[in-house]
Protein backbone atom coordinates (compact mmCIF):
# COMPACT_ATOMS: atom_id res chain seq x y z
CA MET A 1 -0.36 -26.07 -1.86
CA ILE A 2 1.41 -29.44 -1.51
CA THR A 3 4.74 -27.70 -2.05
CA GLY A 4 3.92 -25.34 0.81
CA LEU A 5 3.08 -28.23 3.11
CA ARG A 6 6.35 -29.91 2.17
CA ALA A 7 8.20 -26.74 3.10
CA VAL A 8 6.46 -26.80 6.48
CA LEU A 9 7.56 -30.39 7.06
CA ARG A 10 11.09 -29.51 5.97
CA GLY A 11 11.16 -26.68 8.47
CA LEU A 12 9.92 -28.93 11.27
CA SER A 13 12.62 -31.47 10.44
CA ARG A 14 15.16 -28.67 10.88
CA LEU A 15 13.60 -27.90 14.25
CA ASN A 16 14.03 -31.52 15.25
CA GLN A 17 17.70 -31.43 14.21
CA GLY A 18 18.24 -28.31 16.31
CA GLY A 19 17.13 -29.99 19.51
CA TYR A 20 17.51 -28.05 22.73
CA LEU A 21 19.07 -25.04 21.01
CA TYR A 22 15.67 -24.08 19.61
CA VAL A 23 14.00 -24.82 22.94
CA TRP A 24 16.28 -22.48 24.89
CA CYS A 25 16.10 -19.79 22.22
CA SER A 26 12.30 -20.11 22.10
CA VAL A 27 12.19 -19.62 25.88
CA ALA A 28 14.44 -16.56 25.53
CA CYS A 29 12.17 -15.26 22.76
CA ALA A 30 9.09 -15.72 24.95
CA LEU A 31 10.70 -13.85 27.86
CA LEU A 32 11.95 -11.03 25.64
CA SER A 33 8.47 -10.76 24.09
CA LEU A 34 6.83 -9.98 27.43
CA LEU A 35 7.55 -6.38 26.48
CA VAL A 36 5.66 -5.96 23.21
CA ILE A 37 8.20 -3.40 22.02
CA THR A 38 10.99 -6.02 22.00
CA ALA A 39 8.92 -8.89 20.55
CA PRO A 40 9.89 -8.26 16.88
CA ALA A 41 13.59 -8.17 17.80
CA ALA A 42 13.21 -11.45 19.71
CA TRP A 43 11.51 -13.00 16.68
CA ALA A 44 14.30 -11.67 14.46
CA GLY A 45 16.81 -13.44 16.69
CA LEU A 46 15.06 -16.76 16.11
CA VAL A 47 14.85 -16.09 12.39
CA ARG A 48 18.56 -15.32 12.16
CA LEU A 49 19.33 -18.51 14.10
CA SER A 50 17.13 -20.56 11.78
CA TRP A 51 18.51 -18.93 8.63
CA THR A 52 22.10 -19.52 9.76
CA ALA A 53 21.34 -23.11 10.74
CA GLN A 54 19.83 -23.87 7.34
CA ARG A 55 22.41 -22.01 5.27
CA GLN A 56 25.73 -22.21 7.16
CA PRO A 57 27.85 -25.03 8.64
CA THR A 58 27.27 -23.96 12.25
CA ALA A 59 24.75 -22.06 14.33
CA GLY A 60 24.43 -21.32 18.01
CA TRP A 61 23.37 -18.89 20.73
CA ASP A 62 25.44 -16.08 19.24
CA ASP A 63 23.21 -16.00 16.15
CA PHE A 64 20.08 -15.54 18.25
CA TRP A 65 21.53 -12.73 20.33
CA ALA A 66 23.08 -11.05 17.29
CA GLY A 67 19.71 -11.07 15.55
CA PHE A 68 18.04 -9.65 18.65
CA ARG A 69 20.56 -6.85 19.14
CA GLU A 70 20.77 -5.74 15.51
CA ASN A 71 16.97 -5.55 15.19
CA LEU A 72 16.19 -3.90 18.51
CA VAL A 73 15.60 -0.38 17.19
CA ARG A 74 13.84 -1.24 13.93
CA GLY A 75 11.98 -4.01 15.74
CA ALA A 76 10.53 -1.39 18.10
CA LEU A 77 9.19 0.53 15.09
CA ILE A 78 7.67 -2.67 13.69
CA ALA A 79 6.05 -3.31 17.08
CA VAL A 80 4.43 0.15 17.06
CA VAL A 81 3.13 -0.37 13.50
CA ASN A 82 1.71 -3.76 14.50
CA VAL A 83 0.00 -2.36 17.58
CA VAL A 84 -1.62 0.37 15.49
CA PHE A 85 -2.69 -2.09 12.77
CA TRP A 86 -4.19 -4.61 15.17
CA ALA A 87 -5.95 -1.91 17.18
CA ILE A 88 -7.61 -0.65 13.99
CA TRP A 89 -8.31 -4.21 12.84
CA ILE A 90 -9.98 -5.24 16.11
CA THR A 91 -12.01 -2.02 16.22
CA ASN A 92 -13.28 -2.51 12.68
CA TRP A 93 -13.95 -6.21 13.17
CA LEU A 94 -16.00 -5.59 16.30
CA SER A 95 -17.88 -2.82 14.52
CA TYR A 96 -18.71 -4.87 11.43
CA ALA A 97 -19.15 -8.31 12.99
CA PRO A 98 -22.78 -7.90 14.14
CA ALA A 99 -23.90 -5.90 11.12
CA PRO A 100 -26.11 -7.71 8.56
CA GLY A 101 -25.95 -7.28 4.80
CA ILE A 102 -23.72 -8.21 1.90
CA GLY A 103 -21.74 -4.98 2.14
CA TYR A 104 -20.68 -5.67 5.70
CA ALA A 105 -19.93 -9.28 4.83
CA ILE A 106 -17.53 -8.01 2.15
CA LEU A 107 -15.90 -5.67 4.67
CA ARG A 108 -15.46 -8.54 7.14
CA GLY A 109 -13.89 -10.63 4.40
CA PHE A 110 -11.54 -7.77 3.51
CA TRP A 111 -10.38 -7.33 7.09
CA LEU A 112 -9.89 -11.07 7.53
CA LEU A 113 -7.80 -11.30 4.35
CA SER A 114 -5.78 -8.25 5.37
CA ALA A 115 -4.93 -9.85 8.72
CA LEU A 116 -3.91 -13.15 7.11
CA ALA A 117 -1.84 -11.30 4.50
CA LEU A 118 0.00 -9.29 7.16
CA ILE A 119 0.78 -12.44 9.16
CA MET A 120 2.20 -14.23 6.12
CA VAL A 121 4.14 -11.19 4.90
CA GLN A 122 5.76 -10.83 8.31
CA LEU A 123 6.49 -14.54 8.38
CA TYR A 124 8.31 -14.30 5.04
CA ALA A 125 9.98 -10.94 5.68
CA GLY A 126 12.33 -12.17 8.40
CA PRO A 127 14.19 -14.82 6.36
CA LEU A 128 14.06 -12.63 3.24
CA TYR A 129 15.83 -9.87 5.19
CA TYR A 130 18.79 -12.18 5.80
CA ALA A 131 18.68 -13.44 2.22
CA MET A 132 19.29 -9.92 0.84
CA ALA A 133 22.78 -8.81 -0.19
CA THR A 134 22.06 -5.41 1.34
CA PRO A 135 19.31 -6.01 3.90
CA THR A 136 16.63 -3.37 4.45
CA VAL A 137 13.35 -3.73 6.28
CA ILE A 138 11.37 -2.06 3.50
CA GLY A 139 13.03 -4.29 0.90
CA ALA A 140 12.33 -7.40 2.95
CA TYR A 141 8.65 -6.53 3.33
CA ARG A 142 8.36 -5.65 -0.34
CA ASN A 143 9.94 -8.96 -1.33
CA ALA A 144 7.67 -10.78 1.12
CA ALA A 145 4.59 -9.18 -0.46
CA VAL A 146 5.83 -10.16 -3.93
CA MET A 147 6.48 -13.71 -2.73
CA LEU A 148 2.95 -13.95 -1.35
CA LEU A 149 1.34 -12.59 -4.52
CA ARG A 150 3.39 -14.79 -6.85
CA ASN A 151 2.88 -17.95 -4.78
CA PRO A 152 -0.72 -17.89 -3.49
CA PHE A 153 -1.24 -21.66 -3.39
CA PHE A 154 2.18 -22.23 -1.83
CA THR A 155 1.28 -19.63 0.79
CA ILE A 156 -2.04 -21.37 1.48
CA GLY A 157 -0.13 -24.58 2.20
CA VAL A 158 2.30 -22.78 4.51
CA ALA A 159 -0.56 -20.95 6.23
CA PHE A 160 -2.36 -24.24 6.82
CA GLY A 161 0.76 -25.70 8.43
CA VAL A 162 1.19 -22.59 10.58
CA ALA A 163 -2.48 -22.80 11.63
CA VAL A 164 -2.03 -26.44 12.70
CA ILE A 165 1.02 -25.46 14.77
CA ALA A 166 -0.98 -22.63 16.36
CA VAL A 167 -3.96 -24.87 17.19
CA ILE A 168 -1.71 -27.48 18.79
CA SER A 169 0.04 -24.74 20.77
CA VAL A 170 -3.30 -23.39 22.01
CA ALA A 171 -4.16 -26.88 23.24
CA LEU A 172 -0.71 -27.11 24.88
CA PRO A 173 -0.07 -23.58 26.20
CA PHE A 174 3.48 -24.25 27.38
CA ALA A 175 4.42 -25.07 23.79
CA TRP A 176 4.31 -21.33 22.99
CA ALA A 177 7.18 -20.71 25.39
CA LEU A 178 9.13 -23.90 24.69
CA ILE A 179 8.99 -24.56 20.96
CA THR A 180 6.26 -22.81 18.96
CA THR A 181 8.21 -19.68 18.03
CA GLY A 182 11.22 -21.80 17.08
CA ALA A 183 8.99 -24.00 14.93
CA LEU A 184 7.49 -20.98 13.17
CA ALA A 185 10.95 -19.54 12.50
CA CYS A 186 12.11 -22.84 11.00
CA VAL A 187 8.98 -23.09 8.85
CA ALA A 188 9.31 -19.49 7.63
CA THR A 189 12.96 -20.01 6.74
CA ALA A 190 12.30 -23.30 4.95
CA ALA A 191 9.46 -21.69 2.97
CA VAL A 192 11.61 -18.76 1.85
CA ILE A 193 14.53 -21.02 0.92
CA ASP A 194 12.14 -23.21 -1.10
CA ARG A 195 10.88 -20.24 -3.15
CA LEU A 196 14.37 -18.77 -3.60
CA ARG A 197 15.52 -22.12 -4.94
CA ALA A 198 12.50 -22.30 -7.22
CA VAL A 199 13.50 -19.04 -8.92
CA GLY A 200 17.21 -19.90 -9.00
CA VAL A 201 18.40 -17.40 -6.39
CA LEU A 202 19.76 -20.18 -4.18
CA PRO A 203 21.35 -23.47 -5.32
CA GLN A 204 19.22 -26.59 -5.17
CA GLU A 205 21.53 -28.68 -3.03
CA GLU A 206 21.19 -28.81 0.72
CA PRO A 207 24.26 -27.56 2.61
CA ILE A 208 25.70 -29.87 5.22
CA SER A 209 24.81 -28.23 8.48
CA TYR A 210 24.67 -28.88 12.19
CA LEU A 211 23.72 -26.89 15.24
CA VAL A 212 25.70 -26.39 18.40
CA ASP A 213 23.59 -27.14 21.45
CA PRO A 214 23.81 -24.37 24.05
CA SER A 215 25.43 -24.96 27.40
CA TYR A 216 24.73 -22.95 30.54
CA THR A 217 28.04 -21.13 30.06
CA ASP A 218 26.73 -19.82 26.70
CA MET A 219 23.69 -18.18 28.27
């Protein structure tokens, strides 16, 4: 769990290094997410930016837009799957919430765990997609599920950090548009890099990296 929290802090330090680049890209992500169908592609743009920033010498606006464009079609499919899942989840939760009895309590626990698992799998899947030699969405989600199952206490630490970010963002609504999505992308990337280093897939040393702040001519 402590290792997961450290990964969260590492991701937030990367956010701080990125400065206004993450702010502008978070705003772009928020605007592009107004249409639910394009929200996953917008998130993928932030993930690609964060992955590039933490693994390559330079990163900038081009990485965000490249991630958005290349994930537009498959992102739409992910959006449809998410809408279906959450519609079923909300329906079942509302149905079981008022019901008494141990059986219904177990069902409520199952649905709660399923929701948390989906959130964490999707959080991990983005960076894992870009970590793959031959990226596939199915492979990224499979690897994300394996990462969650093999690192439950690490995931609890990351989930706690994500929950804190979410609570702060609820208290400060404008944070969702300005920085929250960028922070979550940085945290997700840092968490995946941490686990890939732990199993020897990535080298232990930190690459020297910097981010190029966007100018208005880049937009």
